[in-house]
Amino acid sequence: MADATPLKTPLFDWHQAHGGRMVDFAGWSMPVQYTSIVEEHRAVRRGVGLFDISHMGRLAFEGAGALGWIDRVTTNDASKLQPNQIQYSLMANDLGGLIDDILVYRLDKGYYVVCNASNRAAVVAQFQEHLEDAKAKLTDRTLETAMIAVQGPSALATLQPLYDLPLDTLKYYHVAMGKVLGSVQAMVSRTGYTGEVGFELIVAAAEAERVWEALLASGASFGILPCGLGARDTLRFEAGMPLYGHELSATINPFAAGVGWAVKLDKGDFVGSEALKQHQASPGAARVGLRLGGKRIARQGCTVSFQDRMVGAVTSGTFSPTLDASLAMALVDPEASAPGTSVVVDVRGKPEAATVVALPFYKRPKAEPSAAAVPS
């Protein structure tokens, strides 16, 4: 059977017309880069970058039973959300492994969930399986909307002239419901996946290209660049943010992955809660940062040894454009997890000395909440 044709975001034609190198990612045709990953990465760290993230799943929940339904299927406590607040949460299976990591929005009318593109079908199926008698409705808004991320120190200065509500007072992990370009309804959240100041916009698919081009024009004086998935990955990596399929998976429990703070075992029963209690008592591994001695890159799956014994494996690795070093994240036995511990990474059959370091690798030089420490 032939592979399914990748889905296209509302900005697909723009990407193709402007030199985006398109790849099939999680069932979507997405730009991995326009110029170079390093150039786009540095634009975000120094000024501002623009990302098409329309491949992310966007699910709307309505009805009196929506809150109870969401709480039954997710690990965090959605009842703690205030209006227009956002919460990082997880979806676990019965064994305590992860189906996905998600964002839960509490809006004036109902709730909203943003999930990873590769897991959208599994997330929807998990919600539907556990609907029970909840008087609520889930509507998948992914294909009728677009999602755009504006990230970097100049993100506010780029977006604010186009938006009709003040964004300088919008708190981290909160959302505003206003208009961009005077007439386009836009849900704007103070969120991102880069470790920088940033915002994410959700607009109607038909308005995506107009909004995208207006943002590029507004950010021109700050050196704005359109950015692809490559820079998004190196940016999130430097900020110590986990990626599903690497630091998170159906076989990795959240306490090992370092996101156990998003599991609220005292809120009552929810899917996976019994297994998660056991994982909390004995995570079995710990997610750590590694700084390699040389410049070779340790990719996912490279084994990690401590005192001549294999203790884990790399989950993600890259050469950091910001820190000018080969870095990796790994899941290792707790005995090898303390910062300063010397380990050896097998990089394509050759040993590479490495040191365990604290995460995140990078923190922006601002007196604001670290993007790697998401509020509960």
Protein backbone atom coordinates (compact mmCIF):
# COMPACT_ATOMS: atom_id res chain seq x y z
CA MET A 1 0.00 0.00 0.00
CA ALA A 2 1.36 3.44 -0.92
CA ASP A 3 2.09 5.87 1.87
CA ALA A 4 -0.64 8.41 2.60
CA THR A 5 -0.10 11.82 1.05
CA PRO A 6 1.19 14.23 3.72
CA LEU A 7 -1.21 16.87 4.96
CA LYS A 8 -0.48 20.48 4.06
CA THR A 9 -0.70 23.43 6.43
CA PRO A 10 -2.44 26.62 5.24
CA LEU A 11 1.07 28.06 4.72
CA PHE A 12 2.35 25.23 2.50
CA ASP A 13 2.30 27.27 -0.72
CA TRP A 14 4.15 30.14 0.98
CA HIS A 15 6.85 27.79 2.25
CA GLN A 16 7.40 26.32 -1.19
CA ALA A 17 7.48 29.74 -2.86
CA HIS A 18 10.06 31.06 -0.39
CA GLY A 19 12.64 28.30 -0.43
CA GLY A 20 11.44 26.13 2.44
CA ARG A 21 13.02 22.67 2.26
CA MET A 22 9.95 20.50 2.76
CA VAL A 23 9.98 17.14 4.54
CA ASP A 24 7.34 14.67 5.63
CA PHE A 25 7.01 15.11 9.38
CA ALA A 26 4.35 13.32 11.44
CA GLY A 27 2.13 13.02 8.38
CA TRP A 28 2.52 16.69 7.37
CA SER A 29 4.62 18.38 4.70
CA MET A 30 6.67 20.84 6.76
CA PRO A 31 9.68 23.13 6.20
CA VAL A 32 12.78 21.81 7.97
CA GLN A 33 14.75 24.97 7.08
CA TYR A 34 14.90 27.93 4.69
CA THR A 35 18.52 29.11 4.89
CA SER A 36 20.45 27.18 7.53
CA ILE A 37 19.39 25.73 10.86
CA VAL A 38 22.13 27.65 12.66
CA GLU A 39 21.15 30.99 11.07
CA GLU A 40 17.50 30.48 11.97
CA HIS A 41 18.42 29.32 15.48
CA ARG A 42 20.52 32.45 16.07
CA ALA A 43 17.78 34.71 14.73
CA VAL A 44 15.50 33.45 17.50
CA ARG A 45 18.13 33.77 20.23
CA ARG A 46 19.13 37.30 19.13
CA GLY A 47 15.99 38.80 17.61
CA VAL A 48 12.88 37.00 16.46
CA GLY A 49 11.86 33.99 14.41
CA LEU A 50 8.57 32.86 12.91
CA PHE A 51 7.43 29.21 12.89
CA ASP A 52 4.51 27.49 11.19
CA ILE A 53 3.30 25.01 13.82
CA SER A 54 -0.07 24.33 12.21
CA HIS A 55 0.71 20.60 12.26
CA MET A 56 0.07 20.58 16.02
CA GLY A 57 -3.32 19.16 17.01
CA ARG A 58 -5.97 21.64 18.22
CA LEU A 59 -8.98 20.18 20.02
CA ALA A 60 -11.92 22.17 21.41
CA PHE A 61 -14.03 20.91 24.33
CA GLU A 62 -17.49 22.17 25.16
CA GLY A 63 -20.17 21.16 27.64
CA ALA A 64 -20.72 20.97 31.37
CA GLY A 65 -18.76 17.73 31.64
CA ALA A 66 -15.65 18.92 29.79
CA LEU A 67 -13.56 19.56 32.89
CA GLY A 68 -14.27 16.18 34.45
CA TRP A 69 -13.56 14.47 31.13
CA ILE A 70 -10.20 16.22 30.70
CA ASP A 71 -9.21 15.52 34.32
CA ARG A 72 -10.04 11.83 33.91
CA VAL A 73 -7.69 11.48 30.93
CA THR A 74 -4.81 13.81 31.86
CA THR A 75 -2.28 13.75 34.69
CA ASN A 76 -2.28 17.36 35.86
CA ASP A 77 -5.16 18.96 37.78
CA ALA A 78 -7.17 20.95 35.26
CA SER A 79 -9.57 22.07 38.01
CA LYS A 80 -6.84 24.44 39.20
CA LEU A 81 -6.92 26.41 35.96
CA GLN A 82 -8.21 29.96 36.10
CA PRO A 83 -9.96 31.50 33.07
CA ASN A 84 -7.48 32.19 30.25
CA GLN A 85 -4.77 30.13 31.94
CA ILE A 86 -2.83 27.28 30.28
CA GLN A 87 -1.44 24.14 31.88
CA TYR A 88 1.22 21.70 30.77
CA SER A 89 -0.10 18.17 31.21
CA LEU A 90 0.40 14.58 30.10
CA MET A 91 -1.74 11.71 28.89
CA ALA A 92 -0.75 8.34 30.31
CA ASN A 93 -1.69 4.82 29.35
CA ASP A 94 -2.77 2.21 31.89
CA LEU A 95 0.87 1.25 32.52
CA GLY A 96 1.96 4.81 33.25
CA GLY A 97 3.75 5.32 29.93
CA LEU A 98 2.98 8.45 27.98
CA ILE A 99 0.60 8.84 25.06
CA ASP A 100 1.53 12.51 24.67
CA ASP A 101 2.39 15.73 26.43
CA ILE A 102 -0.18 18.45 25.88
CA LEU A 103 -1.26 21.98 26.75
CA VAL A 104 -4.71 22.46 28.31
CA TYR A 105 -6.29 25.93 27.90
CA ARG A 106 -9.18 27.11 30.02
CA LEU A 107 -11.21 29.58 27.97
CA ASP A 108 -14.28 31.63 28.85
CA LYS A 109 -16.36 29.00 27.05
CA GLY A 110 -14.93 25.53 27.38
CA TYR A 111 -11.42 24.14 27.11
CA TYR A 112 -8.81 23.69 24.41
CA VAL A 113 -6.06 21.09 24.07
CA VAL A 114 -2.95 21.39 21.90
CA CYS A 115 -1.16 18.10 21.25
CA ASN A 116 1.70 16.79 19.13
CA ALA A 117 1.00 16.19 15.45
CA SER A 118 2.22 12.59 15.53
CA ASN A 119 -0.10 11.74 18.40
CA ARG A 120 -3.29 13.60 17.45
CA ALA A 121 -5.20 10.44 16.46
CA ALA A 122 -4.09 8.64 19.64
CA VAL A 123 -5.03 11.62 21.82
CA VAL A 124 -8.50 11.89 20.28
CA ALA A 125 -8.99 8.13 20.60
CA GLN A 126 -7.98 8.21 24.28
CA PHE A 127 -10.46 10.97 25.02
CA GLN A 128 -13.24 9.17 23.16
CA GLU A 129 -12.50 5.89 24.92
CA HIS A 130 -12.92 7.56 28.30
CA LEU A 131 -15.89 9.80 27.51
CA GLU A 132 -18.13 7.62 29.73
CA ASP A 133 -21.28 9.61 30.54
CA ALA A 134 -19.72 13.06 30.35
CA LYS A 135 -22.00 15.69 28.86
CA ALA A 136 -19.32 17.19 26.66
CA LYS A 137 -18.20 17.38 23.06
CA LEU A 138 -14.75 17.27 21.44
CA THR A 139 -14.26 19.04 18.10
CA ASP A 140 -11.01 18.67 16.18
CA ARG A 141 -10.15 22.17 14.93
CA THR A 142 -6.75 21.27 13.47
CA LEU A 143 -7.58 21.49 9.77
CA GLU A 144 -9.73 24.61 10.00
CA THR A 145 -7.15 26.69 11.86
CA ALA A 146 -3.48 27.63 11.64
CA MET A 147 -0.97 28.01 14.46
CA ILE A 148 2.00 30.36 14.24
CA ALA A 149 4.80 30.85 16.79
CA VAL A 150 6.60 34.20 17.20
CA GLN A 151 9.70 33.57 19.30
CA GLY A 152 12.68 35.59 20.49
CA PRO A 153 13.63 38.71 22.46
CA SER A 154 11.83 40.90 19.89
CA ALA A 155 8.66 38.75 19.74
CA LEU A 156 6.59 41.25 21.73
CA ALA A 157 7.74 44.20 19.64
CA THR A 158 6.90 42.24 16.49
CA LEU A 159 3.43 41.06 17.47
CA GLN A 160 2.06 43.92 19.57
CA PRO A 161 1.59 46.46 16.73
CA LEU A 162 -0.70 43.95 15.02
CA TYR A 163 -2.79 42.91 18.03
CA ASP A 164 -5.63 44.82 19.65
CA LEU A 165 -4.99 43.74 23.26
CA PRO A 166 -1.94 44.54 25.42
CA LEU A 167 0.53 41.68 25.42
CA ASP A 168 3.21 43.11 27.73
CA THR A 169 1.02 42.19 30.71
CA LEU A 170 0.05 38.75 29.42
CA LYS A 171 1.49 36.31 31.93
CA TYR A 172 3.46 33.23 31.03
CA TYR A 173 1.12 30.32 30.21
CA HIS A 174 -1.90 32.57 29.75
CA VAL A 175 -3.98 33.32 26.66
CA ALA A 176 -5.72 36.41 25.25
CA MET A 177 -8.70 36.36 22.89
CA GLY A 178 -8.45 39.37 20.59
CA LYS A 179 -7.95 40.42 16.98
CA VAL A 180 -4.90 40.73 14.78
CA LEU A 181 -4.82 43.11 11.81
CA GLY A 182 -7.97 44.75 13.12
CA SER A 183 -10.40 42.04 12.11
CA VAL A 184 -8.87 38.54 12.34
CA GLN A 185 -9.90 36.64 15.48
CA ALA A 186 -6.72 35.39 17.14
CA MET A 187 -6.12 33.32 20.23
CA VAL A 188 -2.68 34.47 21.42
CA SER A 189 -0.86 32.54 24.14
CA ARG A 190 2.32 33.39 26.03
CA THR A 191 3.87 30.03 25.24
CA GLY A 192 6.62 28.54 23.10
CA TYR A 193 9.13 25.78 22.58
CA THR A 194 12.38 27.68 22.21
CA GLY A 195 13.45 28.91 25.65
CA GLU A 196 12.85 32.53 24.61
CA VAL A 197 10.13 35.09 25.16
CA GLY A 198 7.42 34.15 22.72
CA PHE A 199 3.81 33.89 21.66
CA GLU A 200 1.73 31.37 19.74
CA LEU A 201 -1.26 32.44 17.63
CA ILE A 202 -4.23 30.41 16.49
CA VAL A 203 -6.20 31.92 13.59
CA ALA A 204 -8.57 30.70 10.89
CA ALA A 205 -6.78 28.77 8.17
CA ALA A 206 -7.98 31.19 5.50
CA GLU A 207 -6.26 34.10 7.29
CA ALA A 208 -2.93 32.34 7.93
CA GLU A 209 -0.90 33.70 5.03
CA ARG A 210 -2.03 37.29 5.57
CA VAL A 211 -1.13 37.11 9.26
CA TRP A 212 2.20 35.39 8.51
CA GLU A 213 3.26 38.05 6.02
CA ALA A 214 2.19 40.87 8.36
CA LEU A 215 4.34 39.37 11.13
CA LEU A 216 7.34 39.13 8.78
CA ALA A 217 6.89 42.78 7.83
CA SER A 218 6.46 43.88 11.45
CA GLY A 219 9.59 42.03 12.53
CA ALA A 220 11.80 43.08 9.61
CA SER A 221 13.70 45.69 11.60
CA PHE A 222 14.52 43.05 14.24
CA GLY A 223 15.99 40.63 11.69
CA ILE A 224 13.03 38.25 11.70
CA LEU A 225 13.45 35.02 9.78
CA PRO A 226 10.99 32.26 8.90
CA CYS A 227 12.26 29.20 10.73
CA GLY A 228 11.83 25.49 10.16
CA LEU A 229 11.59 22.35 12.24
CA GLY A 230 15.37 22.04 12.41
CA ALA A 231 15.86 25.24 14.40
CA ARG A 232 12.78 24.51 16.49
CA ASP A 233 14.43 21.26 17.57
CA THR A 234 17.84 22.75 18.40
CA LEU A 235 16.18 25.60 20.31
CA ARG A 236 13.96 23.32 22.41
CA PHE A 237 16.93 21.06 23.01
CA GLU A 238 19.12 23.86 24.41
CA ALA A 239 16.21 24.84 26.67
CA GLY A 240 16.04 21.29 28.03
CA MET A 241 12.51 20.69 26.78
CA PRO A 242 11.51 17.06 26.21
CA LEU A 243 10.34 15.87 22.79
CA TYR A 244 7.84 13.06 22.34
CA GLY A 245 9.52 10.09 20.71
CA HIS A 246 12.81 11.00 22.35
CA GLU A 247 12.57 11.99 26.03
CA LEU A 248 8.91 10.97 26.25
CA SER A 249 7.21 7.81 24.97
CA ALA A 250 4.78 5.03 25.80
CA THR A 251 7.62 3.17 27.52
CA ILE A 252 9.10 6.13 29.44
CA ASN A 253 7.36 7.15 32.64
CA PRO A 254 7.10 10.87 33.47
CA PHE A 255 9.18 10.66 36.64
CA ALA A 256 12.11 9.23 34.71
CA ALA A 257 11.60 11.87 32.02
CA GLY A 258 11.77 14.71 34.54
CA VAL A 259 8.17 15.86 34.07
CA GLY A 260 6.71 14.15 37.12
CA TRP A 261 5.73 17.56 38.48
CA ALA A 262 2.89 17.50 35.92
CA VAL A 263 1.41 14.39 37.59
CA LYS A 264 -1.00 15.24 40.41
CA LEU A 265 -1.62 11.91 42.15
CA ASP A 266 -3.67 13.58 44.89
CA LYS A 267 -6.44 14.76 42.53
CA GLY A 268 -8.21 11.38 42.47
CA ASP A 269 -8.30 8.52 40.00
CA PHE A 270 -7.35 9.11 36.38
CA VAL A 271 -6.07 6.92 33.56
CA GLY A 272 -2.73 5.45 34.61
CA SER A 273 -2.80 6.81 38.16
CA GLU A 274 -2.18 3.47 39.89
CA ALA A 275 0.81 2.66 37.72
CA LEU A 276 2.14 6.20 38.12
CA LYS A 277 2.15 5.83 41.89
CA GLN A 278 4.57 2.94 41.47
CA HIS A 279 6.71 4.88 39.01
CA GLN A 280 6.88 7.81 41.42
CA ALA A 281 8.28 5.50 44.10
CA SER A 282 10.76 3.93 41.68
CA PRO A 283 11.28 5.87 38.42
CA GLY A 284 14.04 3.49 37.29
CA ALA A 285 15.97 6.19 35.40
CA ALA A 286 16.64 9.91 35.30
CA ARG A 287 16.81 12.35 32.40
CA VAL A 288 20.14 14.21 32.43
CA GLY A 289 22.15 16.59 30.33
CA LEU A 290 25.53 15.57 28.94
CA ARG A 291 28.39 17.76 27.73
CA LEU A 292 30.70 15.83 25.45
CA GLY A 293 34.42 16.45 25.41
CA GLY A 294 34.71 16.63 21.63
CA LYS A 295 32.58 17.94 18.78
CA ARG A 296 31.09 14.67 17.58
CA ILE A 297 27.32 14.49 18.02
CA ALA A 298 25.71 11.75 20.11
CA ARG A 299 22.43 10.80 18.49
CA GLN A 300 19.42 9.02 19.96
CA GLY A 301 20.29 5.47 20.97
CA CYS A 302 23.99 6.00 21.67
CA THR A 303 24.77 4.06 24.84
CA VAL A 304 26.06 5.71 28.03
CA SER A 305 28.49 3.90 30.35
CA PHE A 306 29.55 4.64 33.92
CA GLN A 307 32.44 2.82 35.56
CA ASP A 308 32.63 0.36 32.65
CA ARG A 309 28.95 -0.54 32.87
CA MET A 310 26.19 0.55 30.51
CA VAL A 311 23.75 2.75 32.47
CA GLY A 312 21.53 4.25 29.79
CA ALA A 313 21.18 5.79 26.36
CA VAL A 314 21.04 9.15 24.64
CA THR A 315 17.56 10.44 23.79
CA SER A 316 18.55 13.60 21.85
CA GLY A 317 21.85 15.18 20.86
CA THR A 318 23.16 18.08 18.80
CA PHE A 319 25.95 20.62 18.52
CA SER A 320 24.65 23.69 20.33
CA PRO A 321 24.94 26.89 18.25
CA THR A 322 24.55 29.01 21.38
CA LEU A 323 26.95 27.20 23.68
CA ASP A 324 29.39 25.98 21.00
CA ALA A 325 29.49 22.47 22.43
CA SER A 326 28.29 18.97 21.66
CA LEU A 327 25.44 18.28 24.06
CA ALA A 328 23.01 15.45 24.66
CA MET A 329 20.10 14.43 26.83
CA ALA A 330 20.01 10.87 28.10
CA LEU A 331 18.05 8.54 30.34
CA VAL A 332 20.49 6.93 32.78
CA ASP A 333 20.45 4.91 35.98
CA PRO A 334 20.06 7.15 39.05
CA GLU A 335 23.57 6.29 40.26
CA ALA A 336 25.02 8.11 37.23
CA SER A 337 22.68 11.11 37.26
CA ALA A 338 24.41 13.62 39.55
CA PRO A 339 25.86 16.72 37.83
CA GLY A 340 29.62 16.37 37.54
CA THR A 341 29.53 12.60 37.02
CA SER A 342 31.97 11.41 34.35
CA VAL A 343 30.51 9.00 31.80
CA VAL A 344 31.41 7.60 28.38
CA VAL A 345 29.14 7.82 25.34
CA ASP A 346 29.51 5.37 22.46
CA VAL A 347 29.34 7.58 19.36
CA ARG A 348 29.19 5.33 16.31
CA GLY A 349 31.49 2.75 17.86
CA LYS A 350 34.00 5.17 19.38
CA PRO A 351 34.04 6.18 23.06
CA GLU A 352 33.53 9.87 23.85
CA ALA A 353 34.11 11.25 27.34
CA ALA A 354 31.20 13.26 28.70
CA THR A 355 30.11 14.98 31.91
CA VAL A 356 26.62 15.03 33.40
CA VAL A 357 25.36 18.63 33.59
CA ALA A 358 22.19 20.23 34.93
CA LEU A 359 19.25 20.98 32.63
CA PRO A 360 18.39 23.22 30.92
CA PHE A 361 21.61 23.80 29.02
CA TYR A 362 20.50 27.35 28.17
CA LYS A 363 18.52 29.97 30.09
CA ARG A 364 17.66 33.25 28.49
CA PRO A 365 19.30 36.26 30.17
CA LYS A 366 16.04 37.66 31.49
CA ALA A 367 14.52 37.90 34.96
CA GLU A 368 11.49 35.93 33.77
CA PRO A 369 10.31 32.35 34.42
CA SER A 370 12.56 29.83 32.71
CA ALA A 371 10.86 28.30 29.68
CA ALA A 372 12.10 24.89 30.85
CA ALA A 373 10.23 25.21 34.14
CA VAL A 374 6.64 25.21 32.97
CA PRO A 375 4.10 26.35 35.59
CA SER A 376 1.81 23.69 36.99
